[in-house]
Each structure stands twice: as C-alpha cells, then as structure tokens.
Amino acid sequence: MLSNIRIVLVQTFHPGNIGASARAMKTMGLTQLTLVNPRRFPDEEA
C-alpha cells in the first residue's frame, strides 16, 4: 500500500531538501520519490 504512494518534489532548489525528504519518507515506510526538474541532482548534499 505505501509503495503505491508517491512523494513528488517540484523544482527543488536546495539538494539538501531532497535528501532530508527521503529520510522523512523512509522513517514512515514510503519509498517512491519523484523529482520534477530539480535544480541540482544528483548532488552530494542530497
């Protein structure tokens, strides 16, 4: 069920927010992340 729920981040400016969002997702059992036109990705900070 949770794998059917997708977190979508639109044009994220700071790559660190992508990593922090991924961490927030994993603590709650969600794994599906989609990035729409991110400013910097992949990035070490994420």
ModelCIF file with pLDDT and N, C-alpha, C, O atoms, coordinates in Angstrom:
data_MODEL
#
_entry.id   MODEL 
#
_entity.id                         1 
_entity.type                       polymer 
_entity.pdbx_number_of_molecules   1 
#
_entity_poly.entity_id                      1 
_entity_poly.type                           'polypeptide(L)' 
_entity_poly.nstd_linkage                   no 
_entity_poly.nstd_monomer                   no 
_entity_poly.pdbx_seq_one_letter_code       MLSNIRIVLVQTFHPGNIGASARAMKTMGLTQLTLVNPRRFPDEEA 
_entity_poly.pdbx_seq_one_letter_code_can   MLSNIRIVLVQTFHPGNIGASARAMKTMGLTQLTLVNPRRFPDEEA 
_entity_poly.pdbx_strand_id                 A 
#
loop_
_entity_poly_seq.entity_id 
_entity_poly_seq.num 
_entity_poly_seq.mon_id 
_entity_poly_seq.hetero 
1 1  MET n 
1 2  LEU n 
1 3  SER n 
1 4  ASN n 
1 5  ILE n 
1 6  ARG n 
1 7  ILE n 
1 8  VAL n 
1 9  LEU n 
1 10 VAL n 
1 11 GLN n 
1 12 THR n 
1 13 PHE n 
1 14 HIS n 
1 15 PRO n 
1 16 GLY n 
1 17 ASN n 
1 18 ILE n 
1 19 GLY n 
1 20 ALA n 
1 21 SER n 
1 22 ALA n 
1 23 ARG n 
1 24 ALA n 
1 25 MET n 
1 26 LYS n 
1 27 THR n 
1 28 MET n 
1 29 GLY n 
1 30 LEU n 
1 31 THR n 
1 32 GLN n 
1 33 LEU n 
1 34 THR n 
1 35 LEU n 
1 36 VAL n 
1 37 ASN n 
1 38 PRO n 
1 39 ARG n 
1 40 ARG n 
1 41 PHE n 
1 42 PRO n 
1 43 ASP n 
1 44 GLU n 
1 45 GLU n 
1 46 ALA n 
#
_struct_asym.id          A 
_struct_asym.entity_id   1 
#
loop_
_ma_qa_metric.id 
_ma_qa_metric.mode 
_ma_qa_metric.name 
_ma_qa_metric.software_group_id 
_ma_qa_metric.type 
1 global pLDDT . pLDDT 
2 local  pLDDT . pLDDT 
#
_ma_qa_metric_global.metric_id      1 
_ma_qa_metric_global.metric_value   95.93 
_ma_qa_metric_global.model_id       1 
_ma_qa_metric_global.ordinal_id     1 
#
loop_
_ma_qa_metric_local.label_asym_id 
_ma_qa_metric_local.label_comp_id 
_ma_qa_metric_local.label_seq_id 
_ma_qa_metric_local.metric_id 
_ma_qa_metric_local.metric_value 
_ma_qa_metric_local.model_id 
_ma_qa_metric_local.ordinal_id 
A MET 1  2 82.00 1 1  
A LEU 2  2 92.00 1 2  
A SER 3  2 91.00 1 3  
A ASN 4  2 95.00 1 4  
A ILE 5  2 97.00 1 5  
A ARG 6  2 98.00 1 6  
A ILE 7  2 98.00 1 7  
A VAL 8  2 98.00 1 8  
A LEU 9  2 98.00 1 9  
A VAL 10 2 97.00 1 10 
A GLN 11 2 96.00 1 11 
A THR 12 2 96.00 1 12 
A PHE 13 2 95.00 1 13 
A HIS 14 2 96.00 1 14 
A PRO 15 2 96.00 1 15 
A GLY 16 2 97.00 1 16 
A ASN 17 2 97.00 1 17 
A ILE 18 2 98.00 1 18 
A GLY 19 2 98.00 1 19 
A ALA 20 2 97.00 1 20 
A SER 21 2 98.00 1 21 
A ALA 22 2 98.00 1 22 
A ARG 23 2 97.00 1 23 
A ALA 24 2 97.00 1 24 
A MET 25 2 97.00 1 25 
A LYS 26 2 97.00 1 26 
A THR 27 2 97.00 1 27 
A MET 28 2 97.00 1 28 
A GLY 29 2 95.00 1 29 
A LEU 30 2 97.00 1 30 
A THR 31 2 96.00 1 31 
A GLN 32 2 97.00 1 32 
A LEU 33 2 98.00 1 33 
A THR 34 2 98.00 1 34 
A LEU 35 2 98.00 1 35 
A VAL 36 2 98.00 1 36 
A ASN 37 2 96.00 1 37 
A PRO 38 2 96.00 1 38 
A ARG 39 2 94.00 1 39 
A ARG 40 2 93.00 1 40 
A PHE 41 2 94.00 1 41 
A PRO 42 2 93.00 1 42 
A ASP 43 2 94.00 1 43 
A GLU 44 2 95.00 1 44 
A GLU 45 2 95.00 1 45 
A ALA 46 2 96.00 1 46 
#
loop_
_atom_site.group_PDB 
_atom_site.id 
_atom_site.type_symbol 
_atom_site.label_atom_id 
_atom_site.label_alt_id 
_atom_site.label_comp_id 
_atom_site.label_asym_id 
_atom_site.label_entity_id 
_atom_site.label_seq_id 
_atom_site.pdbx_PDB_ins_code 
_atom_site.Cartn_x 
_atom_site.Cartn_y 
_atom_site.Cartn_z 
_atom_site.occupancy 
_atom_site.B_iso_or_equiv 
_atom_site.pdbx_formal_charge 
_atom_site.auth_seq_id 
_atom_site.auth_comp_id 
_atom_site.auth_asym_id 
_atom_site.auth_atom_id 
_atom_site.pdbx_PDB_model_num 
ATOM 1   N N  . MET A 1 1  ? 0.820  -1.213 0.000   1.00 82.00 ? 1  MET A N  1 
ATOM 2   C CA . MET A 1 1  ? 0.000  0.000  0.000   1.00 82.00 ? 1  MET A CA 1 
ATOM 3   C C  . MET A 1 1  ? 0.854  1.264  0.000   1.00 82.00 ? 1  MET A C  1 
ATOM 4   O O  . MET A 1 1  ? 0.627  2.172  -0.800  1.00 82.00 ? 1  MET A O  1 
ATOM 5   N N  . LEU A 1 2  ? 1.832  1.320  0.894   1.00 92.00 ? 2  LEU A N  1 
ATOM 6   C CA . LEU A 1 2  ? 2.655  2.520  0.955   1.00 92.00 ? 2  LEU A CA 1 
ATOM 7   C C  . LEU A 1 2  ? 3.531  2.669  -0.285  1.00 92.00 ? 2  LEU A C  1 
ATOM 8   O O  . LEU A 1 2  ? 3.929  3.781  -0.630  1.00 92.00 ? 2  LEU A O  1 
ATOM 9   N N  . SER A 1 3  ? 3.834  1.564  -0.956  1.00 91.00 ? 3  SER A N  1 
ATOM 10  C CA . SER A 1 3  ? 4.613  1.669  -2.189  1.00 91.00 ? 3  SER A CA 1 
ATOM 11  C C  . SER A 1 3  ? 3.774  2.226  -3.336  1.00 91.00 ? 3  SER A C  1 
ATOM 12  O O  . SER A 1 3  ? 4.310  2.568  -4.389  1.00 91.00 ? 3  SER A O  1 
ATOM 13  N N  . ASN A 1 4  ? 2.471  2.316  -3.136  1.00 95.00 ? 4  ASN A N  1 
ATOM 14  C CA . ASN A 1 4  ? 1.578  2.916  -4.129  1.00 95.00 ? 4  ASN A CA 1 
ATOM 15  C C  . ASN A 1 4  ? 1.420  4.418  -3.911  1.00 95.00 ? 4  ASN A C  1 
ATOM 16  O O  . ASN A 1 4  ? 0.697  5.082  -4.655  1.00 95.00 ? 4  ASN A O  1 
ATOM 17  N N  . ILE A 1 5  ? 2.094  4.954  -2.893  1.00 97.00 ? 5  ILE A N  1 
ATOM 18  C CA . ILE A 1 5  ? 2.027  6.393  -2.603  1.00 97.00 ? 5  ILE A CA 1 
ATOM 19  C C  . ILE A 1 5  ? 3.353  7.037  -2.984  1.00 97.00 ? 5  ILE A C  1 
ATOM 20  O O  . ILE A 1 5  ? 4.415  6.629  -2.515  1.00 97.00 ? 5  ILE A O  1 
ATOM 21  N N  . ARG A 1 6  ? 3.275  8.034  -3.829  1.00 98.00 ? 6  ARG A N  1 
ATOM 22  C CA . ARG A 1 6  ? 4.453  8.667  -4.419  1.00 98.00 ? 6  ARG A CA 1 
ATOM 23  C C  . ARG A 1 6  ? 4.608  10.090 -3.864  1.00 98.00 ? 6  ARG A C  1 
ATOM 24  O O  . ARG A 1 6  ? 3.657  10.871 -3.857  1.00 98.00 ? 6  ARG A O  1 
ATOM 25  N N  . ILE A 1 7  ? 5.807  10.406 -3.407  1.00 98.00 ? 7  ILE A N  1 
ATOM 26  C CA . ILE A 1 7  ? 6.119  11.775 -2.999  1.00 98.00 ? 7  ILE A CA 1 
ATOM 27  C C  . ILE A 1 7  ? 6.777  12.471 -4.184  1.00 98.00 ? 7  ILE A C  1 
ATOM 28  O O  . ILE A 1 7  ? 7.790  12.003 -4.704  1.00 98.00 ? 7  ILE A O  1 
ATOM 29  N N  . VAL A 1 8  ? 6.193  13.596 -4.608  1.00 98.00 ? 8  VAL A N  1 
ATOM 30  C CA . VAL A 1 8  ? 6.679  14.327 -5.777  1.00 98.00 ? 8  VAL A CA 1 
ATOM 31  C C  . VAL A 1 8  ? 7.163  15.701 -5.333  1.00 98.00 ? 8  VAL A C  1 
ATOM 32  O O  . VAL A 1 8  ? 6.404  16.474 -4.748  1.00 98.00 ? 8  VAL A O  1 
ATOM 33  N N  . LEU A 1 9  ? 8.420  16.002 -5.609  1.00 98.00 ? 9  LEU A N  1 
ATOM 34  C CA . LEU A 1 9  ? 9.008  17.309 -5.291  1.00 98.00 ? 9  LEU A CA 1 
ATOM 35  C C  . LEU A 1 9  ? 9.226  18.070 -6.588  1.00 98.00 ? 9  LEU A C  1 
ATOM 36  O O  . LEU A 1 9  ? 9.908  17.587 -7.491  1.00 98.00 ? 9  LEU A O  1 
ATOM 37  N N  . VAL A 1 10 ? 8.642  19.269 -6.679  1.00 97.00 ? 10 VAL A N  1 
ATOM 38  C CA . VAL A 1 10 ? 8.686  20.053 -7.913  1.00 97.00 ? 10 VAL A CA 1 
ATOM 39  C C  . VAL A 1 10 ? 9.767  21.123 -7.841  1.00 97.00 ? 10 VAL A C  1 
ATOM 40  O O  . VAL A 1 10 ? 9.733  21.999 -6.977  1.00 97.00 ? 10 VAL A O  1 
ATOM 41  N N  . GLN A 1 11 ? 10.714 21.043 -8.748  1.00 96.00 ? 11 GLN A N  1 
ATOM 42  C CA . GLN A 1 11 ? 11.782 22.043 -8.905  1.00 96.00 ? 11 GLN A CA 1 
ATOM 43  C C  . GLN A 1 11 ? 12.430 22.422 -7.576  1.00 96.00 ? 11 GLN A C  1 
ATOM 44  O O  . GLN A 1 11 ? 12.524 23.599 -7.229  1.00 96.00 ? 11 GLN A O  1 
ATOM 45  N N  . THR A 1 12 ? 12.872 21.409 -6.843  1.00 96.00 ? 12 THR A N  1 
ATOM 46  C CA . THR A 1 12 ? 13.538 21.656 -5.565  1.00 96.00 ? 12 THR A CA 1 
ATOM 47  C C  . THR A 1 12 ? 14.813 22.458 -5.794  1.00 96.00 ? 12 THR A C  1 
ATOM 48  O O  . THR A 1 12 ? 15.625 22.114 -6.653  1.00 96.00 ? 12 THR A O  1 
ATOM 49  N N  . PHE A 1 13 ? 14.983 23.526 -5.025  1.00 95.00 ? 13 PHE A N  1 
ATOM 50  C CA . PHE A 1 13 ? 16.127 24.429 -5.214  1.00 95.00 ? 13 PHE A CA 1 
ATOM 51  C C  . PHE A 1 13 ? 17.361 23.915 -4.480  1.00 95.00 ? 13 PHE A C  1 
ATOM 52  O O  . PHE A 1 13 ? 18.447 23.859 -5.057  1.00 95.00 ? 13 PHE A O  1 
ATOM 53  N N  . HIS A 1 14 ? 17.199 23.536 -3.207  1.00 96.00 ? 14 HIS A N  1 
ATOM 54  C CA . HIS A 1 14 ? 18.330 23.072 -2.411  1.00 96.00 ? 14 HIS A CA 1 
ATOM 55  C C  . HIS A 1 14 ? 18.379 21.542 -2.427  1.00 96.00 ? 14 HIS A C  1 
ATOM 56  O O  . HIS A 1 14 ? 17.420 20.904 -1.992  1.00 96.00 ? 14 HIS A O  1 
ATOM 57  N N  . PRO A 1 15 ? 19.454 20.941 -2.910  1.00 96.00 ? 15 PRO A N  1 
ATOM 58  C CA . PRO A 1 15 ? 19.524 19.475 -2.967  1.00 96.00 ? 15 PRO A CA 1 
ATOM 59  C C  . PRO A 1 15 ? 19.438 18.821 -1.597  1.00 96.00 ? 15 PRO A C  1 
ATOM 60  O O  . PRO A 1 15 ? 19.014 17.671 -1.480  1.00 96.00 ? 15 PRO A O  1 
ATOM 61  N N  . GLY A 1 16 ? 19.845 19.563 -0.543  1.00 97.00 ? 16 GLY A N  1 
ATOM 62  C CA . GLY A 1 16 ? 19.745 19.008 0.804   1.00 97.00 ? 16 GLY A CA 1 
ATOM 63  C C  . GLY A 1 16 ? 18.308 18.681 1.184   1.00 97.00 ? 16 GLY A C  1 
ATOM 64  O O  . GLY A 1 16 ? 18.059 17.750 1.950   1.00 97.00 ? 16 GLY A O  1 
ATOM 65  N N  . ASN A 1 17 ? 17.368 19.444 0.650   1.00 97.00 ? 17 ASN A N  1 
ATOM 66  C CA . ASN A 1 17 ? 15.962 19.187 0.949   1.00 97.00 ? 17 ASN A CA 1 
ATOM 67  C C  . ASN A 1 17 ? 15.483 17.871 0.332   1.00 97.00 ? 17 ASN A C  1 
ATOM 68  O O  . ASN A 1 17 ? 14.558 17.241 0.844   1.00 97.00 ? 17 ASN A O  1 
ATOM 69  N N  . ILE A 1 18 ? 16.113 17.462 -0.762  1.00 98.00 ? 18 ILE A N  1 
ATOM 70  C CA . ILE A 1 18 ? 15.774 16.170 -1.367  1.00 98.00 ? 18 ILE A CA 1 
ATOM 71  C C  . ILE A 1 18 ? 16.198 15.045 -0.429  1.00 98.00 ? 18 ILE A C  1 
ATOM 72  O O  . ILE A 1 18 ? 15.431 14.117 -0.173  1.00 98.00 ? 18 ILE A O  1 
ATOM 73  N N  . GLY A 1 19 ? 17.427 15.135 0.083   1.00 98.00 ? 19 GLY A N  1 
ATOM 74  C CA . GLY A 1 19 ? 17.911 14.109 1.000   1.00 98.00 ? 19 GLY A CA 1 
ATOM 75  C C  . GLY A 1 19 ? 17.109 14.070 2.290   1.00 98.00 ? 19 GLY A C  1 
ATOM 76  O O  . GLY A 1 19 ? 16.763 12.992 2.774   1.00 98.00 ? 19 GLY A O  1 
ATOM 77  N N  . ALA A 1 20 ? 16.807 15.241 2.856   1.00 97.00 ? 20 ALA A N  1 
ATOM 78  C CA . ALA A 1 20 ? 16.035 15.300 4.101   1.00 97.00 ? 20 ALA A CA 1 
ATOM 79  C C  . ALA A 1 20 ? 14.625 14.756 3.893   1.00 97.00 ? 20 ALA A C  1 
ATOM 80  O O  . ALA A 1 20 ? 14.067 14.115 4.784   1.00 97.00 ? 20 ALA A O  1 
ATOM 81  N N  . SER A 1 21 ? 14.049 15.009 2.720   1.00 98.00 ? 21 SER A N  1 
ATOM 82  C CA . SER A 1 21 ? 12.712 14.484 2.417   1.00 98.00 ? 21 SER A CA 1 
ATOM 83  C C  . SER A 1 21 ? 12.750 12.966 2.291   1.00 98.00 ? 21 SER A C  1 
ATOM 84  O O  . SER A 1 21 ? 11.839 12.277 2.752   1.00 98.00 ? 21 SER A O  1 
ATOM 85  N N  . ALA A 1 22 ? 13.807 12.445 1.666   1.00 98.00 ? 22 ALA A N  1 
ATOM 86  C CA . ALA A 1 22 ? 13.955 10.993 1.539   1.00 98.00 ? 22 ALA A CA 1 
ATOM 87  C C  . ALA A 1 22 ? 14.053 10.345 2.917   1.00 98.00 ? 22 ALA A C  1 
ATOM 88  O O  . ALA A 1 22 ? 13.476 9.283  3.151   1.00 98.00 ? 22 ALA A O  1 
ATOM 89  N N  . ARG A 1 23 ? 14.775 10.977 3.816   1.00 97.00 ? 23 ARG A N  1 
ATOM 90  C CA . ARG A 1 23 ? 14.899 10.456 5.181   1.00 97.00 ? 23 ARG A CA 1 
ATOM 91  C C  . ARG A 1 23 ? 13.546 10.468 5.883   1.00 97.00 ? 23 ARG A C  1 
ATOM 92  O O  . ARG A 1 23 ? 13.182 9.512  6.567   1.00 97.00 ? 23 ARG A O  1 
ATOM 93  N N  . ALA A 1 24 ? 12.797 11.574 5.705   1.00 97.00 ? 24 ALA A N  1 
ATOM 94  C CA . ALA A 1 24 ? 11.460 11.670 6.300   1.00 97.00 ? 24 ALA A CA 1 
ATOM 95  C C  . ALA A 1 24 ? 10.547 10.568 5.775   1.00 97.00 ? 24 ALA A C  1 
ATOM 96  O O  . ALA A 1 24 ? 9.772  9.983  6.532   1.00 97.00 ? 24 ALA A O  1 
ATOM 97  N N  . MET A 1 25 ? 10.641 10.286 4.478   1.00 97.00 ? 25 MET A N  1 
ATOM 98  C CA . MET A 1 25 ? 9.829  9.234  3.874   1.00 97.00 ? 25 MET A CA 1 
ATOM 99  C C  . MET A 1 25 ? 10.162 7.863  4.460   1.00 97.00 ? 25 MET A C  1 
ATOM 100 O O  . MET A 1 25 ? 9.270  7.108  4.846   1.00 97.00 ? 25 MET A O  1 
ATOM 101 N N  . LYS A 1 26 ? 11.436 7.559  4.519   1.00 97.00 ? 26 LYS A N  1 
ATOM 102 C CA . LYS A 1 26 ? 11.848 6.204  4.929   1.00 97.00 ? 26 LYS A CA 1 
ATOM 103 C C  . LYS A 1 26 ? 11.438 5.898  6.361   1.00 97.00 ? 26 LYS A C  1 
ATOM 104 O O  . LYS A 1 26 ? 11.101 4.756  6.672   1.00 97.00 ? 26 LYS A O  1 
ATOM 105 N N  . THR A 1 27 ? 11.460 6.895  7.237   1.00 97.00 ? 27 THR A N  1 
ATOM 106 C CA . THR A 1 27 ? 11.046 6.662  8.626   1.00 97.00 ? 27 THR A CA 1 
ATOM 107 C C  . THR A 1 27 ? 9.577  6.273  8.717   1.00 97.00 ? 27 THR A C  1 
ATOM 108 O O  . THR A 1 27 ? 9.157  5.682  9.711   1.00 97.00 ? 27 THR A O  1 
ATOM 109 N N  . MET A 1 28 ? 8.792  6.594  7.696   1.00 97.00 ? 28 MET A N  1 
ATOM 110 C CA . MET A 1 28 ? 7.366  6.282  7.690   1.00 97.00 ? 28 MET A CA 1 
ATOM 111 C C  . MET A 1 28 ? 6.996  5.215  6.662   1.00 97.00 ? 28 MET A C  1 
ATOM 112 O O  . MET A 1 28 ? 5.818  5.033  6.355   1.00 97.00 ? 28 MET A O  1 
ATOM 113 N N  . GLY A 1 29 ? 7.983  4.518  6.137   1.00 95.00 ? 29 GLY A N  1 
ATOM 114 C CA . GLY A 1 29 ? 7.713  3.374  5.286   1.00 95.00 ? 29 GLY A CA 1 
ATOM 115 C C  . GLY A 1 29 ? 7.430  3.692  3.828   1.00 95.00 ? 29 GLY A C  1 
ATOM 116 O O  . GLY A 1 29 ? 7.034  2.799  3.078   1.00 95.00 ? 29 GLY A O  1 
ATOM 117 N N  . LEU A 1 30 ? 7.621  4.943  3.399   1.00 97.00 ? 30 LEU A N  1 
ATOM 118 C CA . LEU A 1 30 ? 7.420  5.298  1.997   1.00 97.00 ? 30 LEU A CA 1 
ATOM 119 C C  . LEU A 1 30 ? 8.747  5.269  1.254   1.00 97.00 ? 30 LEU A C  1 
ATOM 120 O O  . LEU A 1 30 ? 9.788  5.635  1.799   1.00 97.00 ? 30 LEU A O  1 
ATOM 121 N N  . THR A 1 31 ? 8.694  4.826  0.001   1.00 96.00 ? 31 THR A N  1 
ATOM 122 C CA . THR A 1 31 ? 9.935  4.638  -0.757  1.00 96.00 ? 31 THR A CA 1 
ATOM 123 C C  . THR A 1 31 ? 9.922  5.278  -2.139  1.00 96.00 ? 31 THR A C  1 
ATOM 124 O O  . THR A 1 31 ? 10.976 5.397  -2.764  1.00 96.00 ? 31 THR A O  1 
ATOM 125 N N  . GLN A 1 32 ? 8.762  5.691  -2.630  1.00 97.00 ? 32 GLN A N  1 
ATOM 126 C CA . GLN A 1 32 ? 8.651  6.172  -4.005  1.00 97.00 ? 32 GLN A CA 1 
ATOM 127 C C  . GLN A 1 32 ? 8.818  7.693  -4.070  1.00 97.00 ? 32 GLN A C  1 
ATOM 128 O O  . GLN A 1 32 ? 7.927  8.438  -3.661  1.00 97.00 ? 32 GLN A O  1 
ATOM 129 N N  . LEU A 1 33 ? 9.950  8.139  -4.579  1.00 98.00 ? 33 LEU A N  1 
ATOM 130 C CA . LEU A 1 33 ? 10.252 9.568  -4.690  1.00 98.00 ? 33 LEU A CA 1 
ATOM 131 C C  . LEU A 1 33 ? 10.406 9.942  -6.156  1.00 98.00 ? 33 LEU A C  1 
ATOM 132 O O  . LEU A 1 33 ? 11.128 9.280  -6.902  1.00 98.00 ? 33 LEU A O  1 
ATOM 133 N N  . THR A 1 34 ? 9.717  11.013 -6.565  1.00 98.00 ? 34 THR A N  1 
ATOM 134 C CA . THR A 1 34 ? 9.841  11.530 -7.930  1.00 98.00 ? 34 THR A CA 1 
ATOM 135 C C  . THR A 1 34 ? 10.231 12.994 -7.861  1.00 98.00 ? 34 THR A C  1 
ATOM 136 O O  . THR A 1 34 ? 9.650  13.762 -7.094  1.00 98.00 ? 34 THR A O  1 
ATOM 137 N N  . LEU A 1 35 ? 11.212 13.380 -8.659  1.00 98.00 ? 35 LEU A N  1 
ATOM 138 C CA . LEU A 1 35 ? 11.706 14.759 -8.697  1.00 98.00 ? 35 LEU A CA 1 
ATOM 139 C C  . LEU A 1 35 ? 11.358 15.369 -10.050 1.00 98.00 ? 35 LEU A C  1 
ATOM 140 O O  . LEU A 1 35 ? 11.705 14.825 -11.098 1.00 98.00 ? 35 LEU A O  1 
ATOM 141 N N  . VAL A 1 36 ? 10.677 16.491 -10.013 1.00 98.00 ? 36 VAL A N  1 
ATOM 142 C CA . VAL A 1 36 ? 10.311 17.191 -11.240 1.00 98.00 ? 36 VAL A CA 1 
ATOM 143 C C  . VAL A 1 36 ? 11.300 18.327 -11.474 1.00 98.00 ? 36 VAL A C  1 
ATOM 144 O O  . VAL A 1 36 ? 11.305 19.321 -10.747 1.00 98.00 ? 36 VAL A O  1 
ATOM 145 N N  . ASN A 1 37 ? 12.124 18.172 -12.481 1.00 96.00 ? 37 ASN A N  1 
ATOM 146 C CA . ASN A 1 37 ? 13.056 19.215 -12.897 1.00 96.00 ? 37 ASN A CA 1 
ATOM 147 C C  . ASN A 1 37 ? 13.820 19.828 -11.719 1.00 96.00 ? 37 ASN A C  1 
ATOM 148 O O  . ASN A 1 37 ? 13.757 21.042 -11.522 1.00 96.00 ? 37 ASN A O  1 
ATOM 149 N N  . PRO A 1 38 ? 14.542 19.017 -10.928 1.00 96.00 ? 38 PRO A N  1 
ATOM 150 C CA . PRO A 1 38 ? 15.281 19.572 -9.782  1.00 96.00 ? 38 PRO A CA 1 
ATOM 151 C C  . PRO A 1 38 ? 16.425 20.472 -10.248 1.00 96.00 ? 38 PRO A C  1 
ATOM 152 O O  . PRO A 1 38 ? 16.998 20.255 -11.316 1.00 96.00 ? 38 PRO A O  1 
ATOM 153 N N  . ARG A 1 39 ? 16.751 21.478 -9.443  1.00 94.00 ? 39 ARG A N  1 
ATOM 154 C CA . ARG A 1 39 ? 17.795 22.438 -9.838  1.00 94.00 ? 39 ARG A CA 1 
ATOM 155 C C  . ARG A 1 39 ? 19.172 21.771 -9.874  1.00 94.00 ? 39 ARG A C  1 
ATOM 156 O O  . ARG A 1 39 ? 19.938 21.984 -10.814 1.00 94.00 ? 39 ARG A O  1 
ATOM 157 N N  . ARG A 1 40 ? 19.490 20.960 -8.852  1.00 93.00 ? 40 ARG A N  1 
ATOM 158 C CA . ARG A 1 40 ? 20.774 20.262 -8.810  1.00 93.00 ? 40 ARG A CA 1 
ATOM 159 C C  . ARG A 1 40 ? 20.544 18.834 -8.325  1.00 93.00 ? 40 ARG A C  1 
ATOM 160 O O  . ARG A 1 40 ? 20.203 18.599 -7.166  1.00 93.00 ? 40 ARG A O  1 
ATOM 161 N N  . PHE A 1 41 ? 20.737 17.898 -9.233  1.00 94.00 ? 41 PHE A N  1 
ATOM 162 C CA . PHE A 1 41 ? 20.581 16.495 -8.881  1.00 94.00 ? 41 PHE A CA 1 
ATOM 163 C C  . PHE A 1 41 ? 21.126 15.636 -10.016 1.00 94.00 ? 41 PHE A C  1 
ATOM 164 O O  . PHE A 1 41 ? 20.864 15.906 -11.188 1.00 94.00 ? 41 PHE A O  1 
ATOM 165 N N  . PRO A 1 42 ? 21.893 14.591 -9.663  1.00 93.00 ? 42 PRO A N  1 
ATOM 166 C CA . PRO A 1 42 ? 22.318 14.193 -8.316  1.00 93.00 ? 42 PRO A CA 1 
ATOM 167 C C  . PRO A 1 42 ? 23.302 15.187 -7.702  1.00 93.00 ? 42 PRO A C  1 
ATOM 168 O O  . PRO A 1 42 ? 23.954 15.962 -8.402  1.00 93.00 ? 42 PRO A O  1 
ATOM 169 N N  . ASP A 1 43 ? 23.388 15.139 -6.386  1.00 94.00 ? 43 ASP A N  1 
ATOM 170 C CA . ASP A 1 43 ? 24.254 16.076 -5.666  1.00 94.00 ? 43 ASP A CA 1 
ATOM 171 C C  . ASP A 1 43 ? 24.689 15.439 -4.350  1.00 94.00 ? 43 ASP A C  1 
ATOM 172 O O  . ASP A 1 43 ? 23.901 14.751 -3.702  1.00 94.00 ? 43 ASP A O  1 
ATOM 173 N N  . GLU A 1 44 ? 25.909 15.661 -3.964  1.00 95.00 ? 44 GLU A N  1 
ATOM 174 C CA . GLU A 1 44 ? 26.452 15.059 -2.756  1.00 95.00 ? 44 GLU A CA 1 
ATOM 175 C C  . GLU A 1 44 ? 25.676 15.476 -1.510  1.00 95.00 ? 44 GLU A C  1 
ATOM 176 O O  . GLU A 1 44 ? 25.513 14.685 -0.581  1.00 95.00 ? 44 GLU A O  1 
ATOM 177 N N  . GLU A 1 45 ? 25.198 16.722 -1.492  1.00 95.00 ? 45 GLU A N  1 
ATOM 178 C CA . GLU A 1 45 ? 24.457 17.211 -0.326  1.00 95.00 ? 45 GLU A CA 1 
ATOM 179 C C  . GLU A 1 45 ? 23.166 16.413 -0.121  1.00 95.00 ? 45 GLU A C  1 
ATOM 180 O O  . GLU A 1 45 ? 22.784 16.132 1.015   1.00 95.00 ? 45 GLU A O  1 
ATOM 181 N N  . ALA A 1 46 ? 22.502 16.053 -1.209  1.00 96.00 ? 46 ALA A N  1 
ATOM 182 C CA . ALA A 1 46 ? 21.275 15.257 -1.113  1.00 96.00 ? 46 ALA A CA 1 
ATOM 183 C C  . ALA A 1 46 ? 21.580 13.894 -0.500  1.00 96.00 ? 46 ALA A C  1 
ATOM 184 O O  . ALA A 1 46 ? 20.675 13.075 -0.334  1.00 96.00 ? 46 ALA A O  1 
#
